[in-house]
Amino acid sequence: MITLDQYMLSIVSGVIVGFSLGLIGGGGSILAVPLLLYFVGLSSMPNAAHIALGTTALAVGLNAFANFYMHLRKKNVAVKIGGVFAGVGVVGSLIGTYLGHITPGNSLLFYFAIAMIILGFYVGFGRNAVKAGTHEEIPRINESAIKCKKLTTRSLMLAGLFGFIVGLVSGYFGIGGGFLIVPALMFSASLCISRAIGTSLISVGAFGLTSGLLYLYYGNTIVSISLLYLIGGLLGGFIGTSLAVKAPKNTLKKAYGIIIVVVGIYMIFKVLHLAL
């Protein structure tokens, strides 16, 4: 039974996730699962791990499609290559979600925590983490303008291959996978990072909805909390995006990466029932 306090905390969690996404970009939604488990307080429920993954996946998917529409209006989306990546990736997402569903909850959270720690280092200390929108992106923009006028068989095959792999990982962990999709699109289709971000939202939305709805079929998605997460996420995203222009991105990404690593370690302690 979900209490009123838990519903309110779900909105607050959505604001936190949306704010971090708007402020620092890729990897922001990784905190959605631990927030739902330990802040909202669903960790005591039966099948808590699968409920957290299914519920957050649906919220992330809906939020991604909302943001995708805004990028589409700005013509910041490569629809064809994004469609191929997402279309093939949905198959991987279905398989990944099923594998996640049959994985015991504690094991799944342990693997998720390891993924958080790896992502934390990537977000905080990746060399290309803060180059979007700077002069360092210009060569790739020029390359994209030349190469992406016509899709090649090679680029389509690469997009499909990477889409399947990323979809599999995304489905297993119930995450949007934007931090994997963006570099995969940049490599397979020579997209500049800003256009890759807009295009990636097709896949983030598709993978999130696929996982969320499949978990709903299994009885492990709480739609009401997903919608509250979405509402909070839109509000937090607006605030975060507004502040992102003036914020010191390099420092923020390092700090946020450290937070993700610490939360990942905390989850490992919780899963293994170790004293903190």
C-alpha atoms as a PDB file:
ATOM      1  CA  MET A   1       0.000   0.000   0.000  1.00  0.00           C
ATOM      2  CA  ILE A   2       1.490   3.311  -1.101  1.00  0.00           C
ATOM      3  CA  THR A   3       1.045   6.139   1.402  1.00  0.00           C
ATOM      4  CA  LEU A   4       0.413   9.821   0.669  1.00  0.00           C
ATOM      5  CA  ASP A   5       3.899  10.655   1.962  1.00  0.00           C
ATOM      6  CA  GLN A   6       5.416   8.214  -0.513  1.00  0.00           C
ATOM      7  CA  TYR A   7       3.482   9.791  -3.370  1.00  0.00           C
ATOM      8  CA  MET A   8       4.801  13.212  -2.359  1.00  0.00           C
ATOM      9  CA  LEU A   9       8.348  11.874  -2.049  1.00  0.00           C
ATOM     10  CA  SER A  10       7.991  10.431  -5.551  1.00  0.00           C
ATOM     11  CA  ILE A  11       7.435  13.938  -6.915  1.00  0.00           C
ATOM     12  CA  VAL A  12      10.455  15.213  -4.967  1.00  0.00           C
ATOM     13  CA  SER A  13      12.526  12.334  -6.373  1.00  0.00           C
ATOM     14  CA  GLY A  14      11.384  13.234  -9.870  1.00  0.00           C
ATOM     15  CA  VAL A  15      12.465  16.843  -9.308  1.00  0.00           C
ATOM     16  CA  ILE A  16      15.927  15.666  -8.173  1.00  0.00           C
ATOM     17  CA  VAL A  17      16.357  13.382 -11.192  1.00  0.00           C
ATOM     18  CA  GLY A  18      15.018  15.964 -13.655  1.00  0.00           C
ATOM     19  CA  PHE A  19      17.183  18.692 -12.146  1.00  0.00           C
ATOM     20  CA  SER A  20      20.338  16.580 -12.443  1.00  0.00           C
ATOM     21  CA  LEU A  21      19.470  15.624 -16.031  1.00  0.00           C
ATOM     22  CA  GLY A  22      18.868  19.247 -16.987  1.00  0.00           C
ATOM     23  CA  LEU A  23      22.023  20.422 -15.252  1.00  0.00           C
ATOM     24  CA  ILE A  24      24.604  17.817 -16.273  1.00  0.00           C
ATOM     25  CA  GLY A  25      22.956  15.714 -19.016  1.00  0.00           C
ATOM     26  CA  GLY A  26      23.695  12.019 -19.590  1.00  0.00           C
ATOM     27  CA  GLY A  27      23.663   9.708 -16.573  1.00  0.00           C
ATOM     28  CA  GLY A  28      21.282  11.863 -14.576  1.00  0.00           C
ATOM     29  CA  SER A  29      18.498   9.280 -14.416  1.00  0.00           C
ATOM     30  CA  ILE A  30      20.702   6.624 -12.784  1.00  0.00           C
ATOM     31  CA  LEU A  31      19.701   7.947  -9.339  1.00  0.00           C
ATOM     32  CA  ALA A  32      16.009   7.264 -10.002  1.00  0.00           C
ATOM     33  CA  VAL A  33      16.169   3.646  -8.801  1.00  0.00           C
ATOM     34  CA  PRO A  34      17.965   4.208  -5.450  1.00  0.00           C
ATOM     35  CA  LEU A  35      15.746   7.234  -4.760  1.00  0.00           C
ATOM     36  CA  LEU A  36      12.650   5.120  -5.262  1.00  0.00           C
ATOM     37  CA  LEU A  37      14.000   2.320  -3.088  1.00  0.00           C
ATOM     38  CA  TYR A  38      15.540   4.217  -0.189  1.00  0.00           C
ATOM     39  CA  PHE A  39      14.099   7.745  -0.296  1.00  0.00           C
ATOM     40  CA  VAL A  40      10.515   6.982  -1.274  1.00  0.00           C
ATOM     41  CA  GLY A  41      10.791   3.817   0.806  1.00  0.00           C
ATOM     42  CA  LEU A  42       9.721   0.996  -1.503  1.00  0.00           C
ATOM     43  CA  SER A  43      12.646  -1.255  -0.539  1.00  0.00           C
ATOM     44  CA  SER A  44      10.438  -3.163   1.927  1.00  0.00           C
ATOM     45  CA  MET A  45       7.929  -4.199  -0.735  1.00  0.00           C
ATOM     46  CA  PRO A  46       7.975  -7.682  -2.270  1.00  0.00           C
ATOM     47  CA  ASN A  47       9.902  -7.649  -5.574  1.00  0.00           C
ATOM     48  CA  ALA A  48      11.154  -4.172  -4.666  1.00  0.00           C
ATOM     49  CA  ALA A  49      14.084  -4.299  -7.109  1.00  0.00           C
ATOM     50  CA  HIS A  50      11.919  -5.160 -10.093  1.00  0.00           C
ATOM     51  CA  ILE A  51       9.234  -2.644  -9.076  1.00  0.00           C
ATOM     52  CA  ALA A  52      11.863   0.111  -8.832  1.00  0.00           C
ATOM     53  CA  LEU A  53      13.313  -0.745 -12.243  1.00  0.00           C
ATOM     54  CA  GLY A  54       9.958  -1.047 -13.989  1.00  0.00           C
ATOM     55  CA  THR A  55       8.506   2.095 -12.444  1.00  0.00           C
ATOM     56  CA  THR A  56      11.529   4.289 -13.142  1.00  0.00           C
ATOM     57  CA  ALA A  57      11.956   2.875 -16.657  1.00  0.00           C
ATOM     58  CA  LEU A  58       8.420   3.935 -17.560  1.00  0.00           C
ATOM     59  CA  ALA A  59       8.961   7.413 -16.091  1.00  0.00           C
ATOM     60  CA  VAL A  60      12.296   7.859 -17.888  1.00  0.00           C
ATOM     61  CA  GLY A  61      10.737   6.719 -21.171  1.00  0.00           C
ATOM     62  CA  LEU A  62       7.850   9.166 -20.947  1.00  0.00           C
ATOM     63  CA  ASN A  63      10.173  11.996 -19.946  1.00  0.00           C
ATOM     64  CA  ALA A  64      12.496  11.227 -22.872  1.00  0.00           C
ATOM     65  CA  PHE A  65       9.658  11.452 -25.402  1.00  0.00           C
ATOM     66  CA  ALA A  66       8.585  14.788 -23.921  1.00  0.00           C
ATOM     67  CA  ASN A  67      12.120  16.125 -24.384  1.00  0.00           C
ATOM     68  CA  PHE A  68      12.400  14.501 -27.813  1.00  0.00           C
ATOM     69  CA  TYR A  69       9.496  16.597 -29.055  1.00  0.00           C
ATOM     70  CA  MET A  70      11.348  19.775 -28.086  1.00  0.00           C
ATOM     71  CA  HIS A  71      14.502  18.646 -29.917  1.00  0.00           C
ATOM     72  CA  LEU A  72      12.420  17.633 -32.938  1.00  0.00           C
ATOM     73  CA  ARG A  73      10.914  21.112 -33.173  1.00  0.00           C
ATOM     74  CA  LYS A  74      14.447  22.535 -33.218  1.00  0.00           C
ATOM     75  CA  LYS A  75      15.386  20.057 -35.997  1.00  0.00           C
ATOM     76  CA  ASN A  76      18.078  18.621 -33.753  1.00  0.00           C
ATOM     77  CA  VAL A  77      17.214  14.983 -34.518  1.00  0.00           C
ATOM     78  CA  ALA A  78      18.470  12.538 -37.168  1.00  0.00           C
ATOM     79  CA  VAL A  79      15.164  10.680 -37.451  1.00  0.00           C
ATOM     80  CA  LYS A  80      16.198   7.869 -39.832  1.00  0.00           C
ATOM     81  CA  ILE A  81      19.327   6.742 -38.019  1.00  0.00           C
ATOM     82  CA  GLY A  82      17.581   7.229 -34.671  1.00  0.00           C
ATOM     83  CA  GLY A  83      14.660   5.099 -35.856  1.00  0.00           C
ATOM     84  CA  VAL A  84      16.960   2.248 -36.917  1.00  0.00           C
ATOM     85  CA  PHE A  85      18.889   2.399 -33.635  1.00  0.00           C
ATOM     86  CA  ALA A  86      15.692   2.413 -31.558  1.00  0.00           C
ATOM     87  CA  GLY A  87      13.813  -0.125 -33.703  1.00  0.00           C
ATOM     88  CA  VAL A  88      16.483  -2.811 -33.436  1.00  0.00           C
ATOM     89  CA  GLY A  89      17.265  -1.773 -29.873  1.00  0.00           C
ATOM     90  CA  VAL A  90      13.706  -2.466 -28.718  1.00  0.00           C
ATOM     91  CA  VAL A  91      14.298  -6.163 -29.478  1.00  0.00           C
ATOM     92  CA  GLY A  92      17.379  -6.059 -27.256  1.00  0.00           C
ATOM     93  CA  SER A  93      15.424  -4.152 -24.620  1.00  0.00           C
ATOM     94  CA  LEU A  94      12.716  -6.834 -24.529  1.00  0.00           C
ATOM     95  CA  ILE A  95      15.322  -9.551 -24.059  1.00  0.00           C
ATOM     96  CA  GLY A  96      17.208  -7.517 -21.452  1.00  0.00           C
ATOM     97  CA  THR A  97      14.042  -6.780 -19.493  1.00  0.00           C
ATOM     98  CA  TYR A  98      13.099 -10.454 -19.454  1.00  0.00           C
ATOM     99  CA  LEU A  99      16.601 -11.377 -18.230  1.00  0.00           C
ATOM    100  CA  GLY A 100      16.306  -8.706 -15.533  1.00  0.00           C
ATOM    101  CA  HIS A 101      12.898 -10.052 -14.545  1.00  0.00           C
ATOM    102  CA  ILE A 102      14.228 -13.574 -13.965  1.00  0.00           C
ATOM    103  CA  THR A 103      17.313 -12.333 -12.084  1.00  0.00           C
ATOM    104  CA  PRO A 104      16.855 -12.448  -8.264  1.00  0.00           C
ATOM    105  CA  GLY A 105      16.204  -8.968  -6.855  1.00  0.00           C
ATOM    106  CA  ASN A 106      19.299  -8.713  -4.637  1.00  0.00           C
ATOM    107  CA  SER A 107      21.567  -9.907  -7.434  1.00  0.00           C
ATOM    108  CA  LEU A 108      19.997  -7.421  -9.833  1.00  0.00           C
ATOM    109  CA  LEU A 109      20.541  -4.529  -7.407  1.00  0.00           C
ATOM    110  CA  PHE A 110      24.139  -5.626  -6.827  1.00  0.00           C
ATOM    111  CA  TYR A 111      24.836  -5.573 -10.571  1.00  0.00           C
ATOM    112  CA  PHE A 112      23.001  -2.244 -10.815  1.00  0.00           C
ATOM    113  CA  ALA A 113      25.216  -0.790  -8.076  1.00  0.00           C
ATOM    114  CA  ILE A 114      28.346  -1.914  -9.939  1.00  0.00           C
ATOM    115  CA  ALA A 115      26.984  -0.244 -13.081  1.00  0.00           C
ATOM    116  CA  MET A 116      26.390   2.942 -11.057  1.00  0.00           C
ATOM    117  CA  ILE A 117      29.988   3.023  -9.860  1.00  0.00           C
ATOM    118  CA  ILE A 118      31.295   2.578 -13.417  1.00  0.00           C
ATOM    119  CA  LEU A 119      28.929   5.258 -14.701  1.00  0.00           C
ATOM    120  CA  GLY A 120      29.930   7.589 -11.866  1.00  0.00           C
ATOM    121  CA  PHE A 121      33.551   7.490 -12.978  1.00  0.00           C
ATOM    122  CA  TYR A 122      32.488   7.950 -16.616  1.00  0.00           C
ATOM    123  CA  VAL A 123      30.282  10.964 -15.858  1.00  0.00           C
ATOM    124  CA  GLY A 124      32.689  12.588 -13.429  1.00  0.00           C
ATOM    125  CA  PHE A 125      36.002  11.955 -15.079  1.00  0.00           C
ATOM    126  CA  GLY A 126      35.318  11.142 -18.756  1.00  0.00           C
ATOM    127  CA  ARG A 127      37.531  13.235 -21.008  1.00  0.00           C
ATOM    128  CA  ASN A 128      34.706  14.260 -23.370  1.00  0.00           C
ATOM    129  CA  ALA A 129      32.134  14.845 -20.651  1.00  0.00           C
ATOM    130  CA  VAL A 130      32.028  18.641 -20.889  1.00  0.00           C
ATOM    131  CA  LYS A 131      32.790  19.395 -24.556  1.00  0.00           C
ATOM    132  CA  ALA A 132      29.203  19.711 -25.772  1.00  0.00           C
ATOM    133  CA  GLY A 133      28.447  23.166 -27.055  1.00  0.00           C
ATOM    134  CA  THR A 134      32.080  24.331 -27.051  1.00  0.00           C
ATOM    135  CA  HIS A 135      34.515  25.098 -29.871  1.00  0.00           C
ATOM    136  CA  GLU A 136      35.917  21.567 -29.464  1.00  0.00           C
ATOM    137  CA  GLU A 137      32.723  20.222 -31.026  1.00  0.00           C
ATOM    138  CA  ILE A 138      33.075  22.180 -34.294  1.00  0.00           C
ATOM    139  CA  PRO A 139      35.154  19.573 -36.210  1.00  0.00           C
ATOM    140  CA  ARG A 140      32.600  16.859 -35.465  1.00  0.00           C
ATOM    141  CA  ILE A 141      29.733  19.141 -36.492  1.00  0.00           C
ATOM    142  CA  ASN A 142      31.448  19.762 -39.837  1.00  0.00           C
ATOM    143  CA  GLU A 143      32.102  16.039 -40.270  1.00  0.00           C
ATOM    144  CA  SER A 144      28.479  15.290 -39.453  1.00  0.00           C
ATOM    145  CA  ALA A 145      27.207  17.792 -42.022  1.00  0.00           C
ATOM    146  CA  ILE A 146      29.243  16.076 -44.749  1.00  0.00           C
ATOM    147  CA  LYS A 147      28.762  12.415 -43.851  1.00  0.00           C
ATOM    148  CA  CYS A 148      25.169  12.380 -42.623  1.00  0.00           C
ATOM    149  CA  LYS A 149      23.532  13.809 -45.727  1.00  0.00           C
ATOM    150  CA  LYS A 150      23.253  10.250 -47.040  1.00  0.00           C
ATOM    151  CA  LEU A 151      22.997   7.183 -44.854  1.00  0.00           C
ATOM    152  CA  THR A 152      25.241   4.313 -45.865  1.00  0.00           C
ATOM    153  CA  THR A 153      24.644   0.590 -45.450  1.00  0.00           C
ATOM    154  CA  ARG A 154      27.571   0.490 -43.039  1.00  0.00           C
ATOM    155  CA  SER A 155      26.183   3.237 -40.816  1.00  0.00           C
ATOM    156  CA  LEU A 156      22.758   1.580 -40.722  1.00  0.00           C
ATOM    157  CA  MET A 157      24.243  -1.816 -39.829  1.00  0.00           C
ATOM    158  CA  LEU A 158      26.413  -0.287 -37.124  1.00  0.00           C
ATOM    159  CA  ALA A 159      23.443   1.628 -35.730  1.00  0.00           C
ATOM    160  CA  GLY A 160      21.387  -1.567 -35.601  1.00  0.00           C
ATOM    161  CA  LEU A 161      24.189  -3.534 -33.928  1.00  0.00           C
ATOM    162  CA  PHE A 162      24.880  -0.876 -31.310  1.00  0.00           C
ATOM    163  CA  GLY A 163      21.152  -0.360 -30.839  1.00  0.00           C
ATOM    164  CA  PHE A 164      20.627  -4.027 -29.985  1.00  0.00           C
ATOM    165  CA  ILE A 165      23.537  -4.093 -27.519  1.00  0.00           C
ATOM    166  CA  VAL A 166      22.543  -0.854 -25.786  1.00  0.00           C
ATOM    167  CA  GLY A 167      18.885  -1.909 -25.725  1.00  0.00           C
ATOM    168  CA  LEU A 168      19.882  -5.177 -24.045  1.00  0.00           C
ATOM    169  CA  VAL A 169      21.835  -3.348 -21.322  1.00  0.00           C
ATOM    170  CA  SER A 170      19.124  -0.708 -20.947  1.00  0.00           C
ATOM    171  CA  GLY A 171      16.386  -3.300 -20.580  1.00  0.00           C
ATOM    172  CA  TYR A 172      18.324  -5.359 -18.054  1.00  0.00           C
ATOM    173  CA  PHE A 173      19.017  -2.433 -15.740  1.00  0.00           C
ATOM    174  CA  GLY A 174      15.807  -0.502 -16.444  1.00  0.00           C
ATOM    175  CA  ILE A 175      17.727   2.659 -17.383  1.00  0.00           C
ATOM    176  CA  GLY A 176      17.398   5.029 -20.313  1.00  0.00           C
ATOM    177  CA  GLY A 177      20.948   4.349 -21.482  1.00  0.00           C
ATOM    178  CA  GLY A 178      21.523   7.817 -22.915  1.00  0.00           C
ATOM    179  CA  PHE A 179      25.143   7.784 -21.746  1.00  0.00           C
ATOM    180  CA  LEU A 180      25.676   4.721 -23.990  1.00  0.00           C
ATOM    181  CA  ILE A 181      23.408   5.752 -26.864  1.00  0.00           C
ATOM    182  CA  VAL A 182      25.038   9.138 -27.484  1.00  0.00           C
ATOM    183  CA  PRO A 183      28.600   7.831 -28.090  1.00  0.00           C
ATOM    184  CA  ALA A 184      27.194   4.894 -30.083  1.00  0.00           C
ATOM    185  CA  LEU A 185      25.360   7.295 -32.426  1.00  0.00           C
ATOM    186  CA  MET A 186      28.439   9.499 -32.715  1.00  0.00           C
ATOM    187  CA  PHE A 187      30.537   6.481 -33.717  1.00  0.00           C
ATOM    188  CA  SER A 188      28.074   4.693 -36.008  1.00  0.00           C
ATOM    189  CA  ALA A 189      26.651   7.729 -37.837  1.00  0.00           C
ATOM    190  CA  SER A 190      29.273  10.466 -37.264  1.00  0.00           C
ATOM    191  CA  LEU A 191      26.705  12.661 -35.519  1.00  0.00           C
ATOM    192  CA  CYS A 192      27.956  15.675 -33.581  1.00  0.00           C
ATOM    193  CA  ILE A 193      27.311  15.363 -29.868  1.00  0.00           C
ATOM    194  CA  SER A 194      24.465  17.909 -29.728  1.00  0.00           C
ATOM    195  CA  ARG A 195      22.544  16.152 -32.515  1.00  0.00           C
ATOM    196  CA  ALA A 196      23.358  12.748 -31.044  1.00  0.00           C
ATOM    197  CA  ILE A 197      21.772  13.857 -27.752  1.00  0.00           C
ATOM    198  CA  GLY A 198      18.543  14.897 -29.490  1.00  0.00           C
ATOM    199  CA  THR A 199      18.493  11.683 -31.544  1.00  0.00           C
ATOM    200  CA  SER A 200      19.248   9.492 -28.531  1.00  0.00           C
ATOM    201  CA  LEU A 201      15.955  10.494 -26.923  1.00  0.00           C
ATOM    202  CA  ILE A 202      14.081   8.343 -29.465  1.00  0.00           C
ATOM    203  CA  SER A 203      15.877   5.291 -28.089  1.00  0.00           C
ATOM    204  CA  VAL A 204      15.761   6.383 -24.435  1.00  0.00           C
ATOM    205  CA  GLY A 205      11.996   6.778 -24.780  1.00  0.00           C
ATOM    206  CA  ALA A 206      11.519   3.520 -26.678  1.00  0.00           C
ATOM    207  CA  PHE A 207      13.703   1.459 -24.329  1.00  0.00           C
ATOM    208  CA  GLY A 208      12.118   2.989 -21.229  1.00  0.00           C
ATOM    209  CA  LEU A 209       8.569   2.363 -22.411  1.00  0.00           C
ATOM    210  CA  THR A 210       9.447  -1.179 -23.502  1.00  0.00           C
ATOM    211  CA  SER A 211      10.919  -2.071 -20.106  1.00  0.00           C
ATOM    212  CA  GLY A 212       8.248  -0.242 -18.132  1.00  0.00           C
ATOM    213  CA  LEU A 213       5.354  -1.835 -20.007  1.00  0.00           C
ATOM    214  CA  LEU A 214       6.864  -5.324 -19.895  1.00  0.00           C
ATOM    215  CA  TYR A 215       7.392  -4.973 -16.151  1.00  0.00           C
ATOM    216  CA  LEU A 216       3.790  -3.744 -15.966  1.00  0.00           C
ATOM    217  CA  TYR A 217       2.745  -6.994 -17.654  1.00  0.00           C
ATOM    218  CA  TYR A 218       4.692  -8.845 -14.954  1.00  0.00           C
ATOM    219  CA  GLY A 219       2.918  -6.739 -12.297  1.00  0.00           C
ATOM    220  CA  ASN A 220       6.040  -4.798 -11.298  1.00  0.00           C
ATOM    221  CA  THR A 221       5.341  -1.246 -12.472  1.00  0.00           C
ATOM    222  CA  ILE A 222       3.475   1.301 -10.350  1.00  0.00           C
ATOM    223  CA  VAL A 223       2.051   3.615 -13.009  1.00  0.00           C
ATOM    224  CA  SER A 224       0.882   6.298 -10.561  1.00  0.00           C
ATOM    225  CA  ILE A 225       4.426   6.725  -9.192  1.00  0.00           C
ATOM    226  CA  SER A 226       5.830   6.774 -12.731  1.00  0.00           C
ATOM    227  CA  LEU A 227       3.499   9.666 -13.579  1.00  0.00           C
ATOM    228  CA  LEU A 228       4.438  11.545 -10.404  1.00  0.00           C
ATOM    229  CA  TYR A 229       8.114  10.994 -11.226  1.00  0.00           C
ATOM    230  CA  LEU A 230       7.407  12.415 -14.672  1.00  0.00           C
ATOM    231  CA  ILE A 231       5.713  15.533 -13.269  1.00  0.00           C
ATOM    232  CA  GLY A 232       8.568  16.149 -10.854  1.00  0.00           C
ATOM    233  CA  GLY A 233      11.105  15.399 -13.581  1.00  0.00           C
ATOM    234  CA  LEU A 234       9.655  17.983 -15.966  1.00  0.00           C
ATOM    235  CA  LEU A 235       9.750  20.629 -13.233  1.00  0.00           C
ATOM    236  CA  GLY A 236      13.276  19.713 -12.143  1.00  0.00           C
ATOM    237  CA  GLY A 237      14.438  19.556 -15.756  1.00  0.00           C
ATOM    238  CA  PHE A 238      13.185  23.082 -16.412  1.00  0.00           C
ATOM    239  CA  ILE A 239      15.066  24.397 -13.373  1.00  0.00           C
ATOM    240  CA  GLY A 240      18.225  22.444 -14.164  1.00  0.00           C
ATOM    241  CA  THR A 241      18.281  23.492 -17.804  1.00  0.00           C
ATOM    242  CA  SER A 242      17.806  27.127 -16.809  1.00  0.00           C
ATOM    243  CA  LEU A 243      20.826  26.970 -14.489  1.00  0.00           C
ATOM    244  CA  ALA A 244      22.996  24.878 -16.822  1.00  0.00           C
ATOM    245  CA  VAL A 245      24.041  27.875 -18.944  1.00  0.00           C
ATOM    246  CA  LYS A 246      25.847  29.598 -16.065  1.00  0.00           C
ATOM    247  CA  ALA A 247      26.892  26.513 -14.105  1.00  0.00           C
ATOM    248  CA  PRO A 248      30.542  25.289 -14.080  1.00  0.00           C
ATOM    249  CA  LYS A 249      29.875  22.005 -15.889  1.00  0.00           C
ATOM    250  CA  ASN A 250      33.275  20.428 -15.308  1.00  0.00           C
ATOM    251  CA  THR A 251      33.051  20.850 -11.529  1.00  0.00           C
ATOM    252  CA  LEU A 252      29.392  19.783 -11.444  1.00  0.00           C
ATOM    253  CA  LYS A 253      30.042  16.610 -13.422  1.00  0.00           C
ATOM    254  CA  LYS A 254      32.896  15.607 -11.147  1.00  0.00           C
ATOM    255  CA  ALA A 255      30.782  16.222  -8.051  1.00  0.00           C
ATOM    256  CA  TYR A 256      27.826  14.370  -9.530  1.00  0.00           C
ATOM    257  CA  GLY A 257      30.049  11.474 -10.583  1.00  0.00           C
ATOM    258  CA  ILE A 258      31.305  11.166  -7.015  1.00  0.00           C
ATOM    259  CA  ILE A 259      27.707  11.176  -5.713  1.00  0.00           C
ATOM    260  CA  ILE A 260      26.777   8.344  -8.106  1.00  0.00           C
ATOM    261  CA  VAL A 261      29.798   6.299  -6.956  1.00  0.00           C
ATOM    262  CA  VAL A 262      28.942   6.862  -3.278  1.00  0.00           C
ATOM    263  CA  VAL A 263      25.298   5.875  -3.815  1.00  0.00           C
ATOM    264  CA  GLY A 264      26.443   2.779  -5.708  1.00  0.00           C
ATOM    265  CA  ILE A 265      28.670   1.767  -2.802  1.00  0.00           C
ATOM    266  CA  TYR A 266      25.774   2.430  -0.390  1.00  0.00           C
ATOM    267  CA  MET A 267      23.550   0.110  -2.448  1.00  0.00           C
ATOM    268  CA  ILE A 268      26.167  -2.638  -2.297  1.00  0.00           C
ATOM    269  CA  PHE A 269      26.267  -2.337   1.499  1.00  0.00           C
ATOM    270  CA  LYS A 270      22.462  -2.490   1.640  1.00  0.00           C
ATOM    271  CA  VAL A 271      22.230  -5.497  -0.687  1.00  0.00           C
ATOM    272  CA  LEU A 272      24.958  -7.411   1.166  1.00  0.00           C
ATOM    273  CA  HIS A 273      23.476  -6.379   4.551  1.00  0.00           C
ATOM    274  CA  LEU A 274      26.766  -4.871   5.686  1.00  0.00           C
ATOM    275  CA  ALA A 275      27.007  -2.301   8.464  1.00  0.00           C
ATOM    276  CA  LEU A 276      27.642   1.275   7.340  1.00  0.00           C
END
